[in-house]
């Protein structure tokens, strides 16, 4: 008799489970059986039934993970991350979720206008120089990709005033130099790239800063300086033929300068 009563109580408790919990459990079951799309539907149902419940928050966490990393459905993942930003009691989780949103728009969707909006939201949640500089650098890079060079440089100006690591400083100045190149402000770019070569020789070598500097010298008609750097890169850069071709091309430009023809007569 007692056994039947106990079974009845368990059945009653299960049947009285809130609908959002049942939807969450169905979603979990779908994940276990690798039916990810169906699982996301159940998680979404849990959120719609009771958006402020713990089961909705648990559903959002799991749905975001599944959509982001397993289904690669980034827009859907963003929707669930937004739920966590709105409803999580943890400031750390809200911050992490907003970061996921910003970088999904930037890296995965390459929606740079929206990524700028999301990174600005992140800035409001941050008070550490490293985080502020990192997000502002992303904003600057997004503006650079959108050909909004003045705004990109404005963000860099603010980053430089912060206390940041050498790595961030290098990345910031490298972007600054590339922006100047895009603006055809070669004199300014030359100053930046020369500074990078002096302060960060190893990082500069990995990023081919010297090679970019030769382009700036060439475009600024400083052919002698461009060739001098290219000569130092002969045995460092692969393929070597590229360097030799660059030197040959610059020498041809020198020969074709107005008034240069007479200088090359024997």
Protein backbone atom coordinates (compact mmCIF):
# COMPACT_ATOMS: atom_id res chain seq x y z
CA UNK A 1 0.00 0.00 0.00
CA UNK A 2 2.81 2.38 0.98
CA UNK A 3 4.56 1.62 -2.34
CA UNK A 4 1.50 2.66 -4.34
CA UNK A 5 1.19 5.88 -2.31
CA UNK A 6 4.88 6.72 -2.91
CA UNK A 7 4.57 6.11 -6.66
CA UNK A 8 1.47 8.26 -6.71
CA UNK A 9 3.26 11.11 -4.93
CA UNK A 10 6.20 10.98 -7.35
CA UNK A 11 3.82 10.97 -10.32
CA UNK A 12 1.96 13.92 -8.85
CA UNK A 13 5.17 15.87 -8.31
CA UNK A 14 6.36 15.20 -11.86
CA UNK A 15 3.02 16.06 -13.37
CA UNK A 16 2.99 19.30 -11.36
CA UNK A 17 6.35 20.42 -12.79
CA UNK A 18 6.05 23.85 -14.42
CA UNK A 19 5.82 23.77 -18.22
CA UNK A 20 9.07 25.71 -18.63
CA UNK A 21 10.92 22.99 -16.68
CA UNK A 22 9.40 20.30 -18.89
CA UNK A 23 10.47 22.18 -22.01
CA UNK A 24 13.98 22.54 -20.61
CA UNK A 25 14.15 18.81 -19.91
CA UNK A 26 12.94 18.03 -23.43
CA UNK A 27 15.64 20.31 -24.74
CA UNK A 28 18.28 18.51 -22.67
CA UNK A 29 17.02 15.22 -24.02
CA UNK A 30 17.32 16.57 -27.57
CA UNK A 31 20.92 17.63 -26.94
CA UNK A 32 21.74 14.16 -25.56
CA UNK A 33 20.38 12.55 -28.74
CA UNK A 34 22.13 15.19 -30.91
CA UNK A 35 18.83 16.53 -32.22
CA UNK A 36 20.08 20.07 -31.82
CA UNK A 37 17.49 22.00 -33.82
CA UNK A 38 14.64 20.29 -31.96
CA UNK A 39 16.43 20.95 -28.66
CA UNK A 40 16.69 24.66 -29.44
CA UNK A 41 12.94 24.78 -30.12
CA UNK A 42 12.22 23.31 -26.67
CA UNK A 43 14.63 25.71 -24.97
CA UNK A 44 12.98 28.57 -26.80
CA UNK A 45 9.56 27.37 -25.64
CA UNK A 46 10.76 27.38 -22.03
CA UNK A 47 11.82 30.99 -22.38
CA UNK A 48 8.55 32.04 -23.99
CA UNK A 49 6.46 30.35 -21.28
CA UNK A 50 8.24 32.01 -18.34
CA UNK A 51 11.01 34.38 -19.45
CA UNK A 52 12.02 35.42 -15.93
CA UNK A 53 12.22 31.90 -14.51
CA UNK A 54 15.38 29.99 -13.63
CA UNK A 55 14.41 27.40 -16.25
CA UNK A 56 14.32 30.09 -18.92
CA UNK A 57 17.81 31.20 -17.91
CA UNK A 58 19.09 27.62 -17.93
CA UNK A 59 17.47 27.14 -21.32
CA UNK A 60 19.11 30.29 -22.68
CA UNK A 61 22.54 29.13 -21.50
CA UNK A 62 22.23 25.73 -23.11
CA UNK A 63 20.54 27.01 -26.27
CA UNK A 64 23.24 29.65 -26.77
CA UNK A 65 25.94 27.00 -26.42
CA UNK A 66 24.24 24.62 -28.85
CA UNK A 67 23.41 27.30 -31.43
CA UNK A 68 26.85 28.91 -31.21
CA UNK A 69 29.24 25.97 -31.08
CA UNK A 70 27.31 22.98 -32.42
CA UNK A 71 24.90 24.43 -34.98
CA UNK A 72 26.96 27.51 -35.91
CA UNK A 73 23.67 29.40 -36.04
CA UNK A 74 25.11 32.69 -34.85
CA UNK A 75 22.00 34.86 -35.10
CA UNK A 76 20.05 32.38 -32.99
CA UNK A 77 22.91 32.20 -30.48
CA UNK A 78 22.86 35.99 -30.19
CA UNK A 79 19.16 35.91 -29.32
CA UNK A 80 19.81 33.59 -26.38
CA UNK A 81 22.87 35.53 -25.23
CA UNK A 82 20.66 38.63 -25.13
CA UNK A 83 18.31 36.81 -22.78
CA UNK A 84 21.21 36.19 -20.42
CA UNK A 85 22.25 39.85 -20.58
CA UNK A 86 18.71 40.85 -19.61
CA UNK A 87 17.86 38.27 -16.97
CA UNK A 88 21.03 36.88 -15.38
CA UNK A 89 21.71 37.92 -11.77
CA UNK A 90 25.44 37.47 -12.36
CA UNK A 91 27.28 40.55 -13.62
CA UNK A 92 30.05 38.24 -14.82
CA UNK A 93 27.58 36.21 -16.91
CA UNK A 94 25.96 39.37 -18.30
CA UNK A 95 29.37 40.73 -19.28
CA UNK A 96 30.47 37.44 -20.84
CA UNK A 97 27.21 37.14 -22.79
CA UNK A 98 27.49 40.69 -24.12
CA UNK A 99 31.08 39.94 -25.16
CA UNK A 100 29.90 36.87 -27.08
CA UNK A 101 27.33 39.01 -28.89
CA UNK A 102 29.87 41.66 -29.85
CA UNK A 103 32.45 39.21 -31.17
CA UNK A 104 29.86 37.13 -33.02
CA UNK A 105 28.79 40.23 -34.93
CA UNK A 106 32.43 41.18 -35.52
CA UNK A 107 34.17 37.88 -36.31
CA UNK A 108 31.47 35.45 -37.41
CA UNK A 109 28.84 37.65 -39.06
CA UNK A 110 31.17 40.51 -40.05
CA UNK A 111 28.33 42.90 -39.32
CA UNK A 112 30.62 45.77 -38.39
CA UNK A 113 27.99 48.49 -37.81
CA UNK A 114 26.16 46.27 -35.30
CA UNK A 115 29.40 45.10 -33.72
CA UNK A 116 30.28 48.73 -32.96
CA UNK A 117 26.95 49.14 -31.14
CA UNK A 118 27.55 45.97 -29.12
CA UNK A 119 31.13 46.90 -28.19
CA UNK A 120 29.92 50.29 -26.95
CA UNK A 121 27.51 48.41 -24.68
CA UNK A 122 30.47 46.38 -23.40
CA UNK A 123 32.36 49.58 -22.63
CA UNK A 124 29.55 50.61 -20.29
CA UNK A 125 30.08 47.34 -18.39
CA UNK A 126 33.87 47.71 -18.12
CA UNK A 127 36.16 49.75 -15.88
CA UNK A 128 39.59 48.17 -16.49
CA UNK A 129 41.99 49.83 -18.90
CA UNK A 130 42.85 46.52 -20.57
CA UNK A 131 39.20 45.73 -21.31
CA UNK A 132 38.41 49.27 -22.42
CA UNK A 133 41.42 49.30 -24.75
CA UNK A 134 40.54 45.88 -26.18
CA UNK A 135 36.96 46.89 -26.98
CA UNK A 136 37.97 50.29 -28.35
CA UNK A 137 40.52 48.58 -30.59
CA UNK A 138 37.75 46.34 -31.94
CA UNK A 139 35.58 49.42 -32.53
CA UNK A 140 38.47 51.13 -34.30
CA UNK A 141 39.09 48.06 -36.46
CA UNK A 142 35.39 47.86 -37.36
CA UNK A 143 35.41 51.52 -38.40
CA UNK A 144 38.56 50.84 -40.43
CA UNK A 145 36.81 48.02 -42.30
CA UNK A 146 33.91 50.41 -42.95
CA UNK A 147 36.33 53.05 -44.34
CA UNK A 148 35.38 55.36 -41.47
CA UNK A 149 39.00 56.32 -40.91
CA UNK A 150 38.57 59.46 -38.81
CA UNK A 151 36.39 57.65 -36.30
CA UNK A 152 38.87 54.77 -36.23
CA UNK A 153 41.72 57.18 -35.45
CA UNK A 154 39.63 58.88 -32.78
CA UNK A 155 39.26 55.57 -30.93
CA UNK A 156 43.01 54.94 -31.24
CA UNK A 157 43.72 58.35 -29.73
CA UNK A 158 41.72 57.32 -26.66
CA UNK A 159 43.43 53.92 -26.42
CA UNK A 160 46.92 55.45 -26.42
CA UNK A 161 46.06 57.43 -23.28
CA UNK A 162 45.30 54.23 -21.33
CA UNK A 163 47.71 52.00 -19.42
CA UNK A 164 47.96 48.99 -21.72
CA UNK A 165 50.24 46.03 -22.37
CA UNK A 166 52.98 46.05 -24.99
CA UNK A 167 50.94 43.63 -27.08
CA UNK A 168 47.92 45.93 -27.14
CA UNK A 169 50.14 48.93 -27.80
CA UNK A 170 51.69 47.17 -30.79
CA UNK A 171 48.31 46.12 -32.20
CA UNK A 172 46.96 49.65 -31.73
CA UNK A 173 49.88 51.36 -33.47
CA UNK A 174 49.90 48.78 -36.26
CA UNK A 175 46.25 49.54 -36.97
CA UNK A 176 47.00 53.26 -36.77
CA UNK A 177 49.73 52.86 -39.39
CA UNK A 178 47.45 50.85 -41.66
CA UNK A 179 44.76 53.52 -41.38
CA UNK A 180 47.27 56.18 -42.44
CA UNK A 181 48.22 54.01 -45.42
CA UNK A 182 44.53 53.69 -46.37
CA UNK A 183 44.25 57.50 -46.16
CA UNK A 184 47.43 57.81 -48.27
CA UNK A 185 48.99 59.76 -45.39
CA UNK A 186 52.32 58.08 -46.02
CA UNK A 187 54.47 60.49 -44.00
CA UNK A 188 52.42 59.76 -40.88
CA UNK A 189 52.47 56.03 -41.62
CA UNK A 190 56.27 56.11 -41.97
CA UNK A 191 56.60 57.66 -38.51
CA UNK A 192 54.37 55.00 -36.94
CA UNK A 193 56.02 52.02 -38.67
CA UNK A 194 59.54 53.28 -37.88
CA UNK A 195 58.55 53.56 -34.23
CA UNK A 196 57.16 50.02 -34.24
CA UNK A 197 60.38 48.64 -35.74
CA UNK A 198 62.42 50.28 -32.97
CA UNK A 199 60.15 49.39 -30.04
CA UNK A 200 58.90 45.96 -31.13
CA UNK A 201 61.41 44.42 -33.55
CA UNK A 202 60.26 40.80 -33.12
CA UNK A 203 56.55 41.53 -33.41
CA UNK A 204 57.23 43.84 -36.35
CA UNK A 205 59.09 41.09 -38.17
CA UNK A 206 56.16 38.69 -37.74
CA UNK A 207 53.75 41.29 -39.11
CA UNK A 208 56.01 42.34 -42.03
CA UNK A 209 56.09 45.94 -40.81
CA UNK A 210 59.36 46.63 -42.65
CA UNK A 211 57.81 45.51 -45.92
CA UNK A 212 54.81 47.78 -45.38
CA UNK A 213 57.22 50.61 -44.61
CA UNK A 214 58.91 50.13 -47.98
CA UNK A 215 55.54 50.58 -49.67
CA UNK A 216 55.08 53.86 -47.79
CA UNK A 217 58.53 55.08 -48.81
CA UNK A 218 57.90 54.11 -52.42
CA UNK A 219 54.49 55.83 -52.52
CA UNK A 220 56.09 58.90 -50.93
CA UNK A 221 58.77 58.88 -53.69
CA UNK A 222 61.52 58.05 -51.19
CA UNK A 223 62.96 55.35 -53.41
CA UNK A 224 66.41 55.24 -51.83
CA UNK A 225 64.97 54.49 -48.38
CA UNK A 226 62.64 51.83 -49.80
CA UNK A 227 65.51 50.04 -51.56
CA UNK A 228 67.71 50.17 -48.45
CA UNK A 229 65.09 48.31 -46.42
CA UNK A 230 64.38 45.83 -49.21
CA UNK A 231 68.10 45.02 -49.40
CA UNK A 232 68.05 44.07 -45.70
CA UNK A 233 65.07 41.79 -46.36
CA UNK A 234 66.66 39.87 -49.25
CA UNK A 235 67.72 36.89 -47.16
CA UNK A 236 64.87 37.08 -44.63
CA UNK A 237 61.74 37.21 -46.74
CA UNK A 238 60.28 34.28 -48.66
CA UNK A 239 59.90 34.13 -51.60
CA UNK A 240 63.15 35.98 -52.21
CA UNK A 241 62.06 36.66 -55.79
CA UNK A 242 59.36 39.02 -54.52
CA UNK A 243 61.96 41.29 -52.91
CA UNK A 244 64.09 41.27 -56.04
CA UNK A 245 61.04 42.12 -58.15
CA UNK A 246 60.20 45.03 -55.83
CA UNK A 247 63.74 46.41 -56.08
CA UNK A 248 63.67 46.06 -59.87
CA UNK A 249 60.33 47.85 -60.06
CA UNK A 250 61.53 50.74 -57.90
CA UNK A 251 64.68 51.13 -60.01
CA UNK A 252 62.48 51.30 -63.09
CA UNK A 253 60.39 54.02 -61.44
CA UNK A 254 63.58 55.94 -60.70
CA UNK A 255 64.67 55.68 -64.35
CA UNK A 256 61.26 56.85 -65.54
CA UNK A 257 61.27 59.98 -63.39
CA UNK A 258 61.24 63.28 -65.30
CA UNK A 259 64.83 64.32 -66.02
CA UNK A 260 66.25 60.94 -65.04
CA UNK A 261 66.94 59.72 -68.58
CA UNK A 262 70.07 61.77 -69.04
CA UNK A 263 71.48 60.60 -65.73
CA UNK A 264 71.59 56.99 -66.94
CA UNK A 265 73.42 57.62 -70.24
CA UNK A 266 76.90 56.17 -70.54
